[in-house]
Amino acid sequence: MTYKEGFVTLLHEKNFVTDQLAKLEEKTGLKREYIALGFLFFVGLYLLFGYGASLLCNLIGFAYPAYFSIKAIESNVKEDDTQWLTYWVVYGLFSIVEYFSDIFLFWFPFYYAGKCLFLIWCMAPVTWNGSDILYKRVIRPFFLKHEATMDSMVSNLSAKAKNLTDTVAKEAVNRALNHDKDQ
């Protein structure tokens, strides 16, 4: 199947978006392929030159994966769960890296268009999607190498958080009891 045939097949699947495309196709007389391509062209231009490109890029990187993650949770198939968990691990790591480098990256022309293409590559329903490649080649080897150290850090932080929570709760109870005595 060619990319064009795959695109046309995708646009004729039964779902909310294709139902709306069918209505637009009927009202305008334009093929839904052209409507979809026009929409994608507009989104691309907006990512390149529009105000709020960051929000649009983040919506694209979040909305589609979130929807399919919920569908994966509700299905009985394990592979889709793994696919979307892998995406969220990569997305989370990318978000952390971006947070610290955004002040520099923001100045690059077409940064948000590039970021959007990266996120689309990471969520693409193909065997060579970015999440799978980055996880298997970068994240997993790093994690396996440092797993014991990270487990120790998480355990220590959990113990400290529990101690802090217990201390705050005891202090709150003591103050509430002393406040009642003072009155």
C-alpha atoms as a PDB file:
ATOM      1  CA  MET A   1       0.000   0.000   0.000  1.00  0.00           C
ATOM      2  CA  THR A   2       1.381   3.415  -0.930  1.00  0.00           C
ATOM      3  CA  TYR A   3       1.382   6.393   1.436  1.00  0.00           C
ATOM      4  CA  LYS A   4      -1.418   7.984  -0.582  1.00  0.00           C
ATOM      5  CA  GLU A   5      -3.572   4.853  -0.357  1.00  0.00           C
ATOM      6  CA  GLY A   6      -2.868   4.617   3.378  1.00  0.00           C
ATOM      7  CA  PHE A   7      -3.818   8.274   3.826  1.00  0.00           C
ATOM      8  CA  VAL A   8      -7.066   7.812   1.891  1.00  0.00           C
ATOM      9  CA  THR A   9      -7.880   4.655   3.876  1.00  0.00           C
ATOM     10  CA  LEU A  10      -7.224   6.497   7.131  1.00  0.00           C
ATOM     11  CA  LEU A  11      -9.571   9.311   6.060  1.00  0.00           C
ATOM     12  CA  HIS A  12     -12.356   6.826   5.338  1.00  0.00           C
ATOM     13  CA  GLU A  13     -12.228   4.953   8.655  1.00  0.00           C
ATOM     14  CA  LYS A  14     -15.303   5.364  10.827  1.00  0.00           C
ATOM     15  CA  ASN A  15     -14.655   7.843  13.650  1.00  0.00           C
ATOM     16  CA  PHE A  16     -15.629  11.338  14.767  1.00  0.00           C
ATOM     17  CA  VAL A  17     -13.043  13.176  12.656  1.00  0.00           C
ATOM     18  CA  THR A  18     -13.825  11.299   9.449  1.00  0.00           C
ATOM     19  CA  ASP A  19     -17.540  11.834  10.052  1.00  0.00           C
ATOM     20  CA  GLN A  20     -16.874  15.587  10.167  1.00  0.00           C
ATOM     21  CA  LEU A  21     -14.738  15.318   7.041  1.00  0.00           C
ATOM     22  CA  ALA A  22     -17.589  13.494   5.295  1.00  0.00           C
ATOM     23  CA  LYS A  23     -19.986  16.318   6.189  1.00  0.00           C
ATOM     24  CA  LEU A  24     -17.505  18.926   4.908  1.00  0.00           C
ATOM     25  CA  GLU A  25     -16.969  16.876   1.752  1.00  0.00           C
ATOM     26  CA  GLU A  26     -20.713  16.748   1.162  1.00  0.00           C
ATOM     27  CA  LYS A  27     -21.240  20.485   1.778  1.00  0.00           C
ATOM     28  CA  THR A  28     -18.265  21.754  -0.200  1.00  0.00           C
ATOM     29  CA  GLY A  29     -18.002  19.169  -2.948  1.00  0.00           C
ATOM     30  CA  LEU A  30     -14.249  18.854  -2.245  1.00  0.00           C
ATOM     31  CA  LYS A  31     -12.689  15.453  -1.629  1.00  0.00           C
ATOM     32  CA  ARG A  32     -11.884  14.859   2.015  1.00  0.00           C
ATOM     33  CA  GLU A  33      -8.259  14.207   1.055  1.00  0.00           C
ATOM     34  CA  TYR A  34      -7.951  17.812  -0.131  1.00  0.00           C
ATOM     35  CA  ILE A  35      -9.726  19.136   2.953  1.00  0.00           C
ATOM     36  CA  ALA A  36      -7.381  17.177   5.216  1.00  0.00           C
ATOM     37  CA  LEU A  37      -4.304  18.270   3.281  1.00  0.00           C
ATOM     38  CA  GLY A  38      -5.468  21.892   3.425  1.00  0.00           C
ATOM     39  CA  PHE A  39      -5.955  21.607   7.174  1.00  0.00           C
ATOM     40  CA  LEU A  40      -2.503  20.049   7.609  1.00  0.00           C
ATOM     41  CA  PHE A  41      -0.996  22.791   5.433  1.00  0.00           C
ATOM     42  CA  PHE A  42      -2.692  25.453   7.573  1.00  0.00           C
ATOM     43  CA  VAL A  43      -1.465  23.822  10.799  1.00  0.00           C
ATOM     44  CA  GLY A  44       2.042  23.627   9.334  1.00  0.00           C
ATOM     45  CA  LEU A  45       2.013  27.316   8.415  1.00  0.00           C
ATOM     46  CA  TYR A  46       0.660  28.199  11.833  1.00  0.00           C
ATOM     47  CA  LEU A  47       3.453  26.237  13.505  1.00  0.00           C
ATOM     48  CA  LEU A  48       5.972  28.107  11.385  1.00  0.00           C
ATOM     49  CA  PHE A  49       4.596  31.639  11.722  1.00  0.00           C
ATOM     50  CA  GLY A  50       1.611  31.742  14.099  1.00  0.00           C
ATOM     51  CA  TYR A  51       1.267  33.188  17.553  1.00  0.00           C
ATOM     52  CA  GLY A  52       0.806  30.441  20.137  1.00  0.00           C
ATOM     53  CA  ALA A  53       2.634  27.802  18.127  1.00  0.00           C
ATOM     54  CA  SER A  54       3.922  26.393  21.415  1.00  0.00           C
ATOM     55  CA  LEU A  55       0.378  25.681  22.625  1.00  0.00           C
ATOM     56  CA  LEU A  56      -0.630  24.085  19.327  1.00  0.00           C
ATOM     57  CA  CYS A  57       2.507  21.941  19.288  1.00  0.00           C
ATOM     58  CA  ASN A  58       1.918  20.787  22.873  1.00  0.00           C
ATOM     59  CA  LEU A  59      -1.729  19.995  22.107  1.00  0.00           C
ATOM     60  CA  ILE A  60      -0.676  17.865  19.155  1.00  0.00           C
ATOM     61  CA  GLY A  61       1.941  16.126  21.310  1.00  0.00           C
ATOM     62  CA  PHE A  62      -0.584  15.515  24.087  1.00  0.00           C
ATOM     63  CA  ALA A  63      -4.149  15.147  22.778  1.00  0.00           C
ATOM     64  CA  TYR A  64      -3.684  12.327  20.252  1.00  0.00           C
ATOM     65  CA  PRO A  65      -1.436  10.235  22.536  1.00  0.00           C
ATOM     66  CA  ALA A  66      -3.722  10.814  25.526  1.00  0.00           C
ATOM     67  CA  TYR A  67      -6.754   9.617  23.560  1.00  0.00           C
ATOM     68  CA  PHE A  68      -4.996   6.486  22.337  1.00  0.00           C
ATOM     69  CA  SER A  69      -3.510   5.850  25.783  1.00  0.00           C
ATOM     70  CA  ILE A  70      -7.020   5.735  27.231  1.00  0.00           C
ATOM     71  CA  LYS A  71      -8.079   3.396  24.433  1.00  0.00           C
ATOM     72  CA  ALA A  72      -5.031   1.216  25.187  1.00  0.00           C
ATOM     73  CA  ILE A  73      -5.922   1.072  28.880  1.00  0.00           C
ATOM     74  CA  GLU A  74      -9.431  -0.050  27.990  1.00  0.00           C
ATOM     75  CA  SER A  75      -8.279  -2.730  25.533  1.00  0.00           C
ATOM     76  CA  ASN A  76      -7.121  -6.228  26.427  1.00  0.00           C
ATOM     77  CA  VAL A  77      -4.047  -6.008  24.187  1.00  0.00           C
ATOM     78  CA  LYS A  78      -0.688  -5.518  25.947  1.00  0.00           C
ATOM     79  CA  GLU A  79       1.250  -4.197  22.932  1.00  0.00           C
ATOM     80  CA  ASP A  80      -0.656  -0.917  22.715  1.00  0.00           C
ATOM     81  CA  ASP A  81      -0.094  -0.335  26.445  1.00  0.00           C
ATOM     82  CA  THR A  82       3.646  -0.767  25.942  1.00  0.00           C
ATOM     83  CA  GLN A  83       3.614   1.511  22.889  1.00  0.00           C
ATOM     84  CA  TRP A  84       1.936   4.374  24.721  1.00  0.00           C
ATOM     85  CA  LEU A  85       3.905   3.929  27.970  1.00  0.00           C
ATOM     86  CA  THR A  86       7.057   4.147  25.876  1.00  0.00           C
ATOM     87  CA  TYR A  87       5.761   7.335  24.247  1.00  0.00           C
ATOM     88  CA  TRP A  88       5.041   8.939  27.641  1.00  0.00           C
ATOM     89  CA  VAL A  89       8.502   8.039  28.973  1.00  0.00           C
ATOM     90  CA  VAL A  90      10.109   9.682  25.943  1.00  0.00           C
ATOM     91  CA  TYR A  91       7.696  12.638  26.098  1.00  0.00           C
ATOM     92  CA  GLY A  92       8.459  13.166  29.801  1.00  0.00           C
ATOM     93  CA  LEU A  93      12.207  13.035  29.277  1.00  0.00           C
ATOM     94  CA  PHE A  94      11.918  15.359  26.282  1.00  0.00           C
ATOM     95  CA  SER A  95       9.831  17.799  28.363  1.00  0.00           C
ATOM     96  CA  ILE A  96      12.467  17.888  31.110  1.00  0.00           C
ATOM     97  CA  VAL A  97      15.281  18.482  28.629  1.00  0.00           C
ATOM     98  CA  GLU A  98      13.206  21.092  26.828  1.00  0.00           C
ATOM     99  CA  TYR A  99      12.419  22.911  30.075  1.00  0.00           C
ATOM    100  CA  PHE A 100      16.105  23.584  30.670  1.00  0.00           C
ATOM    101  CA  SER A 101      16.980  24.339  27.045  1.00  0.00           C
ATOM    102  CA  ASP A 102      13.818  26.141  25.907  1.00  0.00           C
ATOM    103  CA  ILE A 103      15.295  29.578  26.546  1.00  0.00           C
ATOM    104  CA  PHE A 104      17.878  28.843  23.837  1.00  0.00           C
ATOM    105  CA  LEU A 105      15.787  26.688  21.515  1.00  0.00           C
ATOM    106  CA  PHE A 106      12.952  29.211  21.385  1.00  0.00           C
ATOM    107  CA  TRP A 107      15.143  31.525  19.318  1.00  0.00           C
ATOM    108  CA  PHE A 108      15.736  28.984  16.556  1.00  0.00           C
ATOM    109  CA  PRO A 109      13.555  29.643  13.531  1.00  0.00           C
ATOM    110  CA  PHE A 110      10.824  27.053  13.073  1.00  0.00           C
ATOM    111  CA  TYR A 111      11.595  25.425  16.444  1.00  0.00           C
ATOM    112  CA  TYR A 112       7.966  24.549  17.144  1.00  0.00           C
ATOM    113  CA  ALA A 113       7.476  23.036  13.698  1.00  0.00           C
ATOM    114  CA  GLY A 114      10.543  20.859  14.325  1.00  0.00           C
ATOM    115  CA  LYS A 115       9.331  19.941  17.801  1.00  0.00           C
ATOM    116  CA  CYS A 116       5.933  19.023  16.409  1.00  0.00           C
ATOM    117  CA  LEU A 117       7.503  16.823  13.731  1.00  0.00           C
ATOM    118  CA  PHE A 118       9.614  15.153  16.422  1.00  0.00           C
ATOM    119  CA  LEU A 119       6.535  14.433  18.562  1.00  0.00           C
ATOM    120  CA  ILE A 120       4.609  13.124  15.549  1.00  0.00           C
ATOM    121  CA  TRP A 121       7.547  10.832  14.757  1.00  0.00           C
ATOM    122  CA  CYS A 122       7.500   9.634  18.373  1.00  0.00           C
ATOM    123  CA  MET A 123       3.788   8.793  18.272  1.00  0.00           C
ATOM    124  CA  ALA A 124       3.595   7.532  14.697  1.00  0.00           C
ATOM    125  CA  PRO A 125       1.901   4.138  14.381  1.00  0.00           C
ATOM    126  CA  VAL A 126       4.854   2.633  12.507  1.00  0.00           C
ATOM    127  CA  THR A 127       7.536   0.163  13.545  1.00  0.00           C
ATOM    128  CA  TRP A 128      10.238   2.833  13.256  1.00  0.00           C
ATOM    129  CA  ASN A 129       8.571   5.433  15.472  1.00  0.00           C
ATOM    130  CA  GLY A 130      10.768   7.720  17.526  1.00  0.00           C
ATOM    131  CA  SER A 131       9.635   6.571  20.946  1.00  0.00           C
ATOM    132  CA  ASP A 132      10.570   2.977  20.271  1.00  0.00           C
ATOM    133  CA  ILE A 133      13.933   3.875  18.748  1.00  0.00           C
ATOM    134  CA  LEU A 134      14.890   6.373  21.480  1.00  0.00           C
ATOM    135  CA  TYR A 135      13.740   4.063  24.254  1.00  0.00           C
ATOM    136  CA  LYS A 136      15.588   0.996  22.963  1.00  0.00           C
ATOM    137  CA  ARG A 137      18.800   2.800  21.949  1.00  0.00           C
ATOM    138  CA  VAL A 138      19.157   5.503  24.610  1.00  0.00           C
ATOM    139  CA  ILE A 139      16.786   5.387  27.586  1.00  0.00           C
ATOM    140  CA  ARG A 140      16.675   1.637  28.290  1.00  0.00           C
ATOM    141  CA  PRO A 141      20.471   1.105  28.188  1.00  0.00           C
ATOM    142  CA  PHE A 142      20.974   4.129  30.465  1.00  0.00           C
ATOM    143  CA  PHE A 143      18.265   2.915  32.843  1.00  0.00           C
ATOM    144  CA  LEU A 144      19.610  -0.636  33.030  1.00  0.00           C
ATOM    145  CA  LYS A 145      23.111   0.661  33.716  1.00  0.00           C
ATOM    146  CA  HIS A 146      21.955   2.939  36.557  1.00  0.00           C
ATOM    147  CA  GLU A 147      18.879   1.048  37.807  1.00  0.00           C
ATOM    148  CA  ALA A 148      20.301   0.137  41.250  1.00  0.00           C
ATOM    149  CA  THR A 149      21.393   3.727  41.920  1.00  0.00           C
ATOM    150  CA  MET A 150      18.027   5.107  40.836  1.00  0.00           C
ATOM    151  CA  ASP A 151      16.166   2.527  42.974  1.00  0.00           C
ATOM    152  CA  SER A 152      18.241   3.567  45.988  1.00  0.00           C
ATOM    153  CA  MET A 153      17.544   7.272  45.339  1.00  0.00           C
ATOM    154  CA  VAL A 154      13.807   6.669  44.942  1.00  0.00           C
ATOM    155  CA  SER A 155      13.735   4.597  48.133  1.00  0.00           C
ATOM    156  CA  ASN A 156      15.605   7.295  50.081  1.00  0.00           C
ATOM    157  CA  LEU A 157      13.375  10.058  48.725  1.00  0.00           C
ATOM    158  CA  SER A 158      10.247   8.030  49.536  1.00  0.00           C
ATOM    159  CA  ALA A 159      11.427   7.474  53.109  1.00  0.00           C
ATOM    160  CA  LYS A 160      12.234  11.185  53.520  1.00  0.00           C
ATOM    161  CA  ALA A 161       8.856  12.189  52.067  1.00  0.00           C
ATOM    162  CA  LYS A 162       7.071   9.794  54.446  1.00  0.00           C
ATOM    163  CA  ASN A 163       9.012  11.149  57.431  1.00  0.00           C
ATOM    164  CA  LEU A 164       8.248  14.721  56.403  1.00  0.00           C
ATOM    165  CA  THR A 165       4.560  13.907  55.947  1.00  0.00           C
ATOM    166  CA  ASP A 166       4.411  12.227  59.367  1.00  0.00           C
ATOM    167  CA  THR A 167       6.179  15.186  61.013  1.00  0.00           C
ATOM    168  CA  VAL A 168       3.856  17.728  59.388  1.00  0.00           C
ATOM    169  CA  ALA A 169       0.767  15.696  60.322  1.00  0.00           C
ATOM    170  CA  LYS A 170       1.887  15.374  63.971  1.00  0.00           C
ATOM    171  CA  GLU A 171       2.687  19.093  64.139  1.00  0.00           C
ATOM    172  CA  ALA A 172      -0.724  19.961  62.665  1.00  0.00           C
ATOM    173  CA  VAL A 173      -2.491  17.752  65.236  1.00  0.00           C
ATOM    174  CA  ASN A 174      -0.434  19.239  68.104  1.00  0.00           C
ATOM    175  CA  ARG A 175      -1.197  22.803  67.004  1.00  0.00           C
ATOM    176  CA  ALA A 176      -4.897  22.016  66.619  1.00  0.00           C
ATOM    177  CA  LEU A 177      -5.021  20.453  70.104  1.00  0.00           C
ATOM    178  CA  ASN A 178      -3.033  23.330  71.657  1.00  0.00           C
ATOM    179  CA  HIS A 179      -5.236  25.861  69.884  1.00  0.00           C
ATOM    180  CA  ASP A 180      -8.316  24.279  71.468  1.00  0.00           C
ATOM    181  CA  LYS A 181      -6.656  24.381  74.952  1.00  0.00           C
ATOM    182  CA  ASP A 182      -5.745  28.051  74.553  1.00  0.00           C
ATOM    183  CA  GLN A 183      -9.354  29.040  73.958  1.00  0.00           C
END
